[in-house]
N, C-alpha and C. Protein backbone atom coordinates (compact mmCIF):
# COMPACT_ATOMS: atom_id res chain seq x y z
N MET A 1 102.16 -13.07 -38.62
CA MET A 1 103.39 -12.84 -37.90
C MET A 1 103.10 -11.93 -36.70
N LEU A 2 103.58 -12.30 -35.54
CA LEU A 2 103.38 -11.50 -34.33
C LEU A 2 104.44 -10.41 -34.26
N ARG A 3 103.98 -9.20 -33.88
CA ARG A 3 104.92 -8.08 -33.70
C ARG A 3 105.30 -7.97 -32.25
N ARG A 4 106.56 -7.69 -32.00
CA ARG A 4 107.01 -7.42 -30.63
C ARG A 4 106.67 -5.97 -30.30
N PRO A 5 106.22 -5.72 -29.10
CA PRO A 5 105.90 -4.33 -28.74
C PRO A 5 107.15 -3.45 -28.78
N ASN A 6 106.95 -2.23 -29.16
CA ASN A 6 108.03 -1.26 -29.20
C ASN A 6 108.46 -0.96 -27.77
N LEU A 7 109.73 -1.22 -27.46
CA LEU A 7 110.23 -1.06 -26.10
C LEU A 7 110.12 0.38 -25.63
N ASN A 8 110.42 1.33 -26.49
CA ASN A 8 110.33 2.75 -26.09
C ASN A 8 108.89 3.13 -25.75
N ALA A 9 107.95 2.69 -26.58
CA ALA A 9 106.54 2.99 -26.30
C ALA A 9 106.10 2.37 -24.99
N LEU A 10 106.55 1.14 -24.73
CA LEU A 10 106.21 0.47 -23.49
C LEU A 10 106.78 1.22 -22.29
N LEU A 11 108.02 1.69 -22.40
CA LEU A 11 108.63 2.45 -21.31
C LEU A 11 107.89 3.75 -21.05
N ILE A 12 107.44 4.40 -22.11
CA ILE A 12 106.70 5.66 -21.95
C ILE A 12 105.38 5.40 -21.22
N VAL A 13 104.69 4.32 -21.59
CA VAL A 13 103.43 3.99 -20.94
C VAL A 13 103.65 3.68 -19.46
N VAL A 14 104.69 2.92 -19.15
CA VAL A 14 104.98 2.57 -17.76
C VAL A 14 105.34 3.83 -16.97
N ALA A 15 106.22 4.67 -17.53
CA ALA A 15 106.62 5.90 -16.83
C ALA A 15 105.43 6.82 -16.61
N SER A 16 104.57 6.95 -17.63
CA SER A 16 103.39 7.80 -17.48
C SER A 16 102.47 7.28 -16.39
N SER A 17 102.32 5.97 -16.34
CA SER A 17 101.46 5.37 -15.31
C SER A 17 102.01 5.64 -13.92
N LEU A 18 103.33 5.56 -13.78
CA LEU A 18 103.94 5.83 -12.47
C LEU A 18 103.75 7.28 -12.06
N VAL A 19 103.88 8.19 -13.02
CA VAL A 19 103.69 9.61 -12.71
C VAL A 19 102.25 9.87 -12.29
N VAL A 20 101.29 9.31 -13.03
CA VAL A 20 99.88 9.49 -12.68
C VAL A 20 99.59 8.90 -11.31
N ALA A 21 100.15 7.74 -11.04
CA ALA A 21 99.92 7.10 -9.74
C ALA A 21 100.52 7.93 -8.62
N ALA A 22 101.69 8.49 -8.85
CA ALA A 22 102.36 9.29 -7.82
C ALA A 22 101.62 10.60 -7.58
N CYS A 23 101.07 11.20 -8.62
CA CYS A 23 100.42 12.50 -8.49
C CYS A 23 98.93 12.39 -8.21
N GLY A 24 98.33 11.28 -8.55
CA GLY A 24 96.88 11.14 -8.43
C GLY A 24 96.47 10.65 -7.08
N GLY A 25 95.23 10.23 -7.03
CA GLY A 25 94.70 9.70 -5.77
C GLY A 25 93.96 10.75 -5.01
N SER A 26 93.22 10.30 -4.00
CA SER A 26 92.43 11.25 -3.22
C SER A 26 92.76 11.12 -1.75
N SER A 27 94.05 10.82 -1.45
CA SER A 27 94.42 10.66 -0.06
C SER A 27 94.72 11.99 0.62
N GLY A 28 94.57 13.10 -0.12
CA GLY A 28 94.87 14.39 0.47
C GLY A 28 93.61 15.08 0.94
N SER A 29 93.82 16.23 1.59
CA SER A 29 92.69 17.03 2.03
C SER A 29 92.90 18.45 1.54
N ALA A 30 91.85 19.12 1.13
CA ALA A 30 91.98 20.48 0.62
C ALA A 30 92.12 21.44 1.78
N ASP A 31 93.01 22.43 1.62
CA ASP A 31 93.14 23.46 2.65
C ASP A 31 92.26 24.65 2.26
N THR A 32 92.33 25.70 3.05
CA THR A 32 91.44 26.83 2.83
C THR A 32 91.83 27.65 1.61
N GLN A 33 93.05 27.48 1.09
CA GLN A 33 93.44 28.22 -0.09
C GLN A 33 93.13 27.45 -1.36
N GLY A 34 92.57 26.25 -1.25
CA GLY A 34 92.21 25.49 -2.42
C GLY A 34 93.30 24.55 -2.89
N THR A 35 94.49 24.59 -2.30
CA THR A 35 95.53 23.65 -2.67
C THR A 35 95.30 22.38 -1.89
N THR A 36 95.87 21.30 -2.36
CA THR A 36 95.66 20.02 -1.70
C THR A 36 96.88 19.66 -0.89
N THR A 37 96.66 19.27 0.34
CA THR A 37 97.73 18.81 1.20
C THR A 37 97.67 17.29 1.22
N THR A 38 98.75 16.64 0.84
CA THR A 38 98.75 15.18 0.81
C THR A 38 99.02 14.63 2.19
N ALA A 39 98.75 13.34 2.36
CA ALA A 39 99.02 12.69 3.65
C ALA A 39 100.49 12.85 4.01
N THR A 40 101.38 12.76 3.02
CA THR A 40 102.81 12.90 3.30
C THR A 40 103.11 14.29 3.85
N GLU A 41 102.54 15.34 3.25
CA GLU A 41 102.76 16.69 3.75
C GLU A 41 102.21 16.84 5.15
N GLU A 42 101.04 16.24 5.44
CA GLU A 42 100.47 16.33 6.77
C GLU A 42 101.37 15.64 7.78
N GLU A 43 101.96 14.50 7.40
CA GLU A 43 102.87 13.79 8.30
C GLU A 43 104.09 14.64 8.60
N HIS A 44 104.60 15.37 7.58
CA HIS A 44 105.82 16.16 7.76
C HIS A 44 105.55 17.54 8.35
N ALA A 45 104.29 17.90 8.52
CA ALA A 45 103.97 19.21 9.08
C ALA A 45 104.54 19.36 10.49
N ASP A 46 104.71 18.24 11.21
CA ASP A 46 105.27 18.29 12.56
C ASP A 46 106.79 18.38 12.56
N ASP A 47 107.42 18.28 11.39
CA ASP A 47 108.87 18.28 11.29
C ASP A 47 109.47 19.68 11.34
N PHE A 48 108.68 20.72 11.29
CA PHE A 48 109.19 22.07 11.23
C PHE A 48 109.62 22.54 12.61
N HIS A 49 110.79 23.16 12.67
CA HIS A 49 111.33 23.67 13.93
C HIS A 49 110.96 25.13 14.15
N PHE A 50 110.24 25.71 13.22
CA PHE A 50 109.95 27.14 13.27
C PHE A 50 108.45 27.41 13.37
N GLY A 51 107.67 26.38 13.66
CA GLY A 51 106.23 26.57 13.82
C GLY A 51 105.47 25.48 13.11
N GLU A 52 104.20 25.82 12.80
CA GLU A 52 103.34 24.81 12.19
C GLU A 52 102.29 25.49 11.34
N PRO A 53 101.79 24.78 10.32
CA PRO A 53 100.71 25.36 9.52
C PRO A 53 99.47 25.57 10.38
N ALA A 54 98.69 26.56 10.01
CA ALA A 54 97.45 26.86 10.73
C ALA A 54 96.36 27.17 9.71
N GLU A 55 95.15 27.25 10.19
CA GLU A 55 94.01 27.60 9.34
C GLU A 55 93.92 29.12 9.20
N ALA A 56 93.53 29.59 8.02
CA ALA A 56 93.41 31.03 7.77
C ALA A 56 92.46 31.69 8.76
N ALA A 57 91.43 30.98 9.19
CA ALA A 57 90.45 31.55 10.12
C ALA A 57 91.08 31.84 11.49
N GLU A 58 92.21 31.21 11.80
CA GLU A 58 92.88 31.42 13.08
C GLU A 58 93.83 32.61 13.08
N ALA A 59 94.06 33.22 11.92
CA ALA A 59 95.08 34.26 11.79
C ALA A 59 94.79 35.47 12.67
N ASP A 60 95.84 35.92 13.35
CA ASP A 60 95.78 37.15 14.13
C ASP A 60 95.92 38.37 13.22
N ARG A 61 96.63 38.18 12.11
CA ARG A 61 96.77 39.26 11.13
C ARG A 61 97.22 38.70 9.80
N VAL A 62 97.08 39.54 8.77
CA VAL A 62 97.51 39.21 7.42
C VAL A 62 98.66 40.14 7.06
N ILE A 63 99.73 39.56 6.54
CA ILE A 63 100.87 40.35 6.08
C ILE A 63 100.95 40.21 4.56
N GLU A 64 100.80 41.33 3.87
CA GLU A 64 100.89 41.35 2.41
C GLU A 64 102.37 41.40 2.02
N ILE A 65 102.77 40.51 1.11
CA ILE A 65 104.16 40.47 0.66
C ILE A 65 104.16 40.48 -0.86
N ALA A 66 104.99 41.35 -1.43
CA ALA A 66 105.16 41.41 -2.88
C ALA A 66 106.44 40.66 -3.25
N ALA A 67 106.33 39.76 -4.22
CA ALA A 67 107.49 39.09 -4.80
C ALA A 67 107.78 39.82 -6.11
N ASN A 68 108.93 40.48 -6.16
CA ASN A 68 109.24 41.40 -7.25
C ASN A 68 110.30 40.84 -8.20
N ASP A 69 110.26 41.32 -9.45
CA ASP A 69 111.23 40.88 -10.45
C ASP A 69 112.63 41.44 -10.23
N ASP A 70 112.82 42.36 -9.28
CA ASP A 70 114.17 42.82 -8.95
C ASP A 70 114.80 41.91 -7.88
N PHE A 71 114.24 40.71 -7.73
CA PHE A 71 114.72 39.69 -6.79
C PHE A 71 114.62 40.16 -5.35
N SER A 72 113.45 40.70 -5.00
CA SER A 72 113.23 41.14 -3.63
C SER A 72 111.82 40.78 -3.19
N PHE A 73 111.68 40.69 -1.87
CA PHE A 73 110.36 40.61 -1.24
C PHE A 73 110.13 41.95 -0.56
N ASP A 74 108.90 42.43 -0.57
CA ASP A 74 108.57 43.68 0.10
C ASP A 74 107.32 43.44 0.95
N PRO A 75 107.46 43.47 2.28
CA PRO A 75 108.68 43.73 3.04
C PRO A 75 109.59 42.51 3.06
N SER A 76 110.87 42.77 3.34
CA SER A 76 111.84 41.68 3.42
C SER A 76 112.15 41.32 4.87
N GLU A 77 111.71 42.17 5.80
CA GLU A 77 111.89 41.89 7.22
C GLU A 77 110.54 42.01 7.92
N ILE A 78 110.20 40.94 8.65
CA ILE A 78 108.90 40.86 9.31
C ILE A 78 109.13 40.47 10.76
N THR A 79 108.38 41.08 11.68
CA THR A 79 108.48 40.72 13.09
C THR A 79 107.12 40.21 13.56
N VAL A 80 107.15 39.07 14.24
CA VAL A 80 105.95 38.46 14.82
C VAL A 80 106.30 38.03 16.24
N THR A 81 105.32 37.52 16.98
CA THR A 81 105.58 37.05 18.34
C THR A 81 105.26 35.56 18.45
N VAL A 82 105.91 34.92 19.41
CA VAL A 82 105.65 33.50 19.66
C VAL A 82 104.17 33.31 19.93
N GLY A 83 103.57 32.32 19.30
CA GLY A 83 102.15 32.03 19.46
C GLY A 83 101.27 32.72 18.44
N GLU A 84 101.80 33.73 17.77
CA GLU A 84 101.01 34.47 16.78
C GLU A 84 100.77 33.60 15.54
N VAL A 85 99.56 33.73 15.00
CA VAL A 85 99.20 33.06 13.75
C VAL A 85 99.11 34.14 12.68
N VAL A 86 99.89 33.98 11.63
CA VAL A 86 99.98 34.98 10.57
C VAL A 86 99.64 34.35 9.23
N THR A 87 98.82 35.05 8.46
CA THR A 87 98.61 34.67 7.08
C THR A 87 99.49 35.56 6.22
N PHE A 88 100.39 34.93 5.48
CA PHE A 88 101.21 35.64 4.51
C PHE A 88 100.45 35.59 3.19
N ARG A 89 100.09 36.76 2.67
CA ARG A 89 99.43 36.86 1.37
C ARG A 89 100.49 37.36 0.39
N ILE A 90 100.98 36.45 -0.44
CA ILE A 90 102.10 36.74 -1.32
C ILE A 90 101.57 36.96 -2.73
N THR A 91 101.98 38.09 -3.33
CA THR A 91 101.59 38.42 -4.70
C THR A 91 102.83 38.54 -5.56
N ASN A 92 102.85 37.83 -6.67
CA ASN A 92 103.92 37.98 -7.65
C ASN A 92 103.59 39.21 -8.48
N THR A 93 104.32 40.30 -8.23
CA THR A 93 104.06 41.56 -8.93
C THR A 93 104.77 41.63 -10.28
N GLY A 94 105.56 40.62 -10.59
CA GLY A 94 106.36 40.65 -11.80
C GLY A 94 105.80 39.83 -12.94
N VAL A 95 106.67 39.57 -13.91
CA VAL A 95 106.30 38.81 -15.10
C VAL A 95 107.00 37.45 -15.17
N VAL A 96 107.91 37.19 -14.23
CA VAL A 96 108.57 35.88 -14.18
C VAL A 96 108.06 35.11 -12.97
N PRO A 97 108.11 33.79 -13.01
CA PRO A 97 107.66 33.00 -11.85
C PRO A 97 108.52 33.26 -10.63
N HIS A 98 107.89 33.21 -9.48
CA HIS A 98 108.58 33.31 -8.19
C HIS A 98 107.99 32.24 -7.28
N ASP A 99 108.66 32.00 -6.17
CA ASP A 99 108.05 31.18 -5.13
C ASP A 99 108.36 31.81 -3.80
N PHE A 100 107.72 31.31 -2.78
CA PHE A 100 107.86 31.83 -1.42
C PHE A 100 107.98 30.62 -0.51
N THR A 101 109.13 30.51 0.13
CA THR A 101 109.36 29.40 1.05
C THR A 101 109.66 29.97 2.43
N LEU A 102 108.92 29.52 3.43
CA LEU A 102 109.12 29.92 4.81
C LEU A 102 109.86 28.80 5.52
N GLY A 103 110.96 29.13 6.21
CA GLY A 103 111.67 28.08 6.92
C GLY A 103 112.95 28.56 7.56
N ASP A 104 113.60 27.62 8.22
CA ASP A 104 114.91 27.91 8.79
C ASP A 104 115.97 27.73 7.70
N GLN A 105 117.22 27.92 8.05
CA GLN A 105 118.30 27.82 7.07
C GLN A 105 118.33 26.44 6.42
N GLU A 106 118.14 25.39 7.20
CA GLU A 106 118.14 24.03 6.67
C GLU A 106 117.02 23.84 5.64
N THR A 107 115.85 24.35 5.96
CA THR A 107 114.71 24.25 5.04
C THR A 107 115.02 24.96 3.74
N GLN A 108 115.62 26.16 3.83
CA GLN A 108 115.95 26.92 2.62
C GLN A 108 116.98 26.16 1.78
N GLU A 109 117.99 25.61 2.42
CA GLU A 109 119.02 24.86 1.69
C GLU A 109 118.44 23.62 1.01
N GLU A 110 117.56 22.91 1.72
CA GLU A 110 116.93 21.72 1.15
C GLU A 110 116.06 22.09 -0.05
N HIS A 111 115.30 23.18 0.09
CA HIS A 111 114.42 23.58 -1.01
C HIS A 111 115.24 24.04 -2.21
N GLU A 112 116.32 24.75 -1.97
CA GLU A 112 117.20 25.20 -3.06
C GLU A 112 117.76 23.98 -3.80
N ALA A 113 118.19 22.96 -3.07
CA ALA A 113 118.73 21.75 -3.69
C ALA A 113 117.65 21.03 -4.50
N GLU A 114 116.43 20.94 -3.97
CA GLU A 114 115.33 20.31 -4.70
C GLU A 114 115.03 21.04 -6.00
N MET A 115 115.02 22.37 -5.95
CA MET A 115 114.75 23.15 -7.14
C MET A 115 115.86 22.98 -8.18
N MET A 116 117.11 22.89 -7.72
CA MET A 116 118.23 22.67 -8.65
C MET A 116 118.11 21.30 -9.31
N GLU A 117 117.73 20.29 -8.54
CA GLU A 117 117.53 18.95 -9.11
C GLU A 117 116.43 18.97 -10.15
N MET A 118 115.34 19.66 -9.86
CA MET A 118 114.24 19.75 -10.83
C MET A 118 114.70 20.44 -12.10
N MET A 119 115.47 21.52 -11.95
CA MET A 119 115.95 22.26 -13.10
C MET A 119 116.87 21.38 -13.95
N GLU A 120 117.78 20.66 -13.30
CA GLU A 120 118.71 19.80 -14.02
C GLU A 120 118.00 18.66 -14.73
N SER A 121 116.92 18.17 -14.15
CA SER A 121 116.18 17.07 -14.77
C SER A 121 115.19 17.56 -15.82
N GLY A 122 115.03 18.87 -15.91
CA GLY A 122 114.12 19.43 -16.91
C GLY A 122 112.66 19.47 -16.48
N SER A 123 112.38 19.15 -15.22
CA SER A 123 111.00 19.16 -14.74
C SER A 123 110.84 20.24 -13.68
N MET A 124 110.83 21.48 -14.11
CA MET A 124 110.80 22.63 -13.20
C MET A 124 109.38 22.94 -12.75
N VAL A 125 108.71 21.96 -12.16
CA VAL A 125 107.35 22.16 -11.68
C VAL A 125 107.33 22.02 -10.17
N MET A 126 107.22 23.14 -9.48
CA MET A 126 107.15 23.13 -8.02
C MET A 126 105.70 23.02 -7.60
N HIS A 127 105.45 22.15 -6.65
CA HIS A 127 104.10 22.00 -6.11
C HIS A 127 104.01 22.74 -4.78
N ASP A 128 102.86 23.32 -4.51
CA ASP A 128 102.67 24.02 -3.25
C ASP A 128 102.78 23.04 -2.09
N GLU A 129 103.36 23.51 -1.01
CA GLU A 129 103.49 22.74 0.22
C GLU A 129 102.94 23.58 1.36
N VAL A 130 102.92 23.05 2.57
CA VAL A 130 102.36 23.81 3.69
C VAL A 130 103.16 25.06 4.00
N ASN A 131 104.46 25.07 3.66
CA ASN A 131 105.30 26.23 3.95
C ASN A 131 105.87 26.89 2.70
N ALA A 132 105.39 26.52 1.52
CA ALA A 132 105.94 27.07 0.28
C ALA A 132 104.88 27.08 -0.82
N VAL A 133 104.89 28.15 -1.61
CA VAL A 133 103.98 28.25 -2.75
C VAL A 133 104.74 28.74 -3.98
N ALA A 134 104.31 28.25 -5.14
CA ALA A 134 104.82 28.72 -6.43
C ALA A 134 103.85 29.76 -6.96
N LEU A 135 104.39 30.83 -7.53
CA LEU A 135 103.55 31.94 -7.98
C LEU A 135 103.84 32.29 -9.43
N ALA A 136 102.84 32.14 -10.29
CA ALA A 136 102.96 32.61 -11.66
C ALA A 136 102.84 34.14 -11.66
N ALA A 137 103.20 34.75 -12.77
CA ALA A 137 103.10 36.21 -12.88
C ALA A 137 101.71 36.68 -12.51
N GLY A 138 101.62 37.65 -11.60
CA GLY A 138 100.35 38.23 -11.19
C GLY A 138 99.55 37.42 -10.19
N GLU A 139 100.01 36.25 -9.84
CA GLU A 139 99.25 35.36 -8.96
C GLU A 139 99.44 35.72 -7.49
N THR A 140 98.40 35.48 -6.69
CA THR A 140 98.44 35.68 -5.24
C THR A 140 98.05 34.38 -4.55
N LYS A 141 98.83 33.99 -3.55
CA LYS A 141 98.53 32.81 -2.74
C LYS A 141 98.80 33.13 -1.29
N GLU A 142 98.29 32.28 -0.41
CA GLU A 142 98.45 32.50 1.03
C GLU A 142 99.04 31.27 1.72
N ILE A 143 99.80 31.55 2.77
CA ILE A 143 100.28 30.55 3.71
C ILE A 143 99.94 31.07 5.09
N THR A 144 99.31 30.25 5.91
CA THR A 144 99.01 30.65 7.28
C THR A 144 99.86 29.81 8.21
N TRP A 145 100.54 30.50 9.13
CA TRP A 145 101.54 29.85 9.97
C TRP A 145 101.43 30.27 11.43
N ARG A 146 101.56 29.31 12.33
CA ARG A 146 101.61 29.56 13.77
C ARG A 146 103.08 29.48 14.18
N PHE A 147 103.60 30.56 14.73
CA PHE A 147 105.00 30.60 15.15
C PHE A 147 105.08 30.13 16.60
N THR A 148 105.80 29.03 16.84
CA THR A 148 105.84 28.40 18.15
C THR A 148 107.14 28.64 18.90
N ASP A 149 108.19 29.08 18.21
CA ASP A 149 109.49 29.28 18.85
C ASP A 149 110.07 30.63 18.47
N ALA A 150 110.77 31.24 19.43
CA ALA A 150 111.46 32.50 19.16
C ALA A 150 112.68 32.21 18.29
N GLY A 151 113.07 33.20 17.51
CA GLY A 151 114.26 33.06 16.66
C GLY A 151 114.08 33.86 15.39
N THR A 152 115.06 33.75 14.53
CA THR A 152 115.00 34.40 13.23
C THR A 152 114.92 33.31 12.17
N PHE A 153 113.90 33.39 11.34
CA PHE A 153 113.67 32.41 10.29
C PHE A 153 113.71 33.13 8.95
N LEU A 154 113.64 32.39 7.88
CA LEU A 154 113.88 32.98 6.57
C LEU A 154 112.71 32.78 5.62
N ILE A 155 112.61 33.70 4.67
CA ILE A 155 111.75 33.51 3.51
C ILE A 155 112.69 33.56 2.30
N GLY A 156 112.34 32.80 1.27
CA GLY A 156 113.20 32.79 0.09
C GLY A 156 112.45 32.37 -1.15
N CYS A 157 112.98 32.80 -2.29
CA CYS A 157 112.49 32.37 -3.60
C CYS A 157 113.58 31.50 -4.20
N HIS A 158 113.19 30.30 -4.64
CA HIS A 158 114.17 29.34 -5.13
C HIS A 158 114.01 29.02 -6.61
N GLN A 159 113.40 29.95 -7.34
CA GLN A 159 113.45 29.81 -8.79
C GLN A 159 114.92 29.97 -9.20
N ALA A 160 115.30 29.42 -10.32
CA ALA A 160 116.71 29.38 -10.73
C ALA A 160 117.40 30.74 -10.59
N GLY A 161 118.37 30.80 -9.68
CA GLY A 161 119.19 31.99 -9.49
C GLY A 161 118.61 33.06 -8.60
N HIS A 162 117.34 32.99 -8.24
CA HIS A 162 116.71 34.06 -7.46
C HIS A 162 117.26 34.15 -6.04
N TYR A 163 117.40 33.02 -5.35
CA TYR A 163 117.89 33.05 -3.97
C TYR A 163 119.33 33.56 -3.94
N ALA A 164 120.14 33.08 -4.87
CA ALA A 164 121.54 33.52 -4.96
C ALA A 164 121.63 35.01 -5.27
N ALA A 165 120.64 35.54 -6.00
CA ALA A 165 120.62 36.97 -6.33
C ALA A 165 120.11 37.83 -5.19
N GLY A 166 119.72 37.18 -4.07
CA GLY A 166 119.30 37.93 -2.90
C GLY A 166 117.81 37.95 -2.63
N MET A 167 117.04 37.11 -3.31
CA MET A 167 115.59 37.11 -3.09
C MET A 167 115.28 36.29 -1.84
N LYS A 168 115.47 36.97 -0.71
CA LYS A 168 115.26 36.35 0.59
C LYS A 168 114.92 37.43 1.59
N GLY A 169 114.50 37.02 2.75
CA GLY A 169 114.17 37.95 3.81
C GLY A 169 114.15 37.21 5.13
N SER A 170 113.74 37.90 6.18
CA SER A 170 113.74 37.30 7.50
C SER A 170 112.43 37.53 8.23
N VAL A 171 112.12 36.57 9.09
CA VAL A 171 110.97 36.67 9.99
C VAL A 171 111.54 36.52 11.40
N VAL A 172 111.49 37.61 12.15
CA VAL A 172 111.98 37.60 13.52
C VAL A 172 110.80 37.30 14.44
N VAL A 173 110.95 36.23 15.22
CA VAL A 173 109.89 35.82 16.13
C VAL A 173 110.34 36.17 17.55
N ASP A 174 109.70 37.19 18.12
CA ASP A 174 110.01 37.64 19.48
C ASP A 174 109.19 36.83 20.49
N SER A 175 109.78 36.63 21.68
CA SER A 175 109.03 35.90 22.72
C SER A 175 108.16 36.83 23.51
């Protein structure tokens, strides 16, 4: 007698294959911090209105930032100049996960919405991007950025409730 395959098992295998296919592959390139930038991220790197990713070797200076469990960044206000390349070295000084997202208001709102969707779906796994990093307790990561336009931009943590609790700051870009 022939057995029909278990539909649930088949769905799990198909879903797992799709996840592996979406996450796998070698179409990305490693950056200087050891994270991988995918072709999609490289394509969208030009979409930022507040600057562009840069290589750590190009940095004019390094700014140390602490992500704290009291829902703050230290410092929370940073001043740079147009054309300056800055490496932000972010350290999670606490015991809960934090993230660091550099962007304009639209970028912050989009990232907050993405994090809420992940939380609601039960898959709270943020992947590093050219302008954002996830930080486990005690972890340090870097983002190097070239500021191309004057204005005030934002930094924020979008772990559940952190941004709403005030875990944000500003980057003032003077001309």
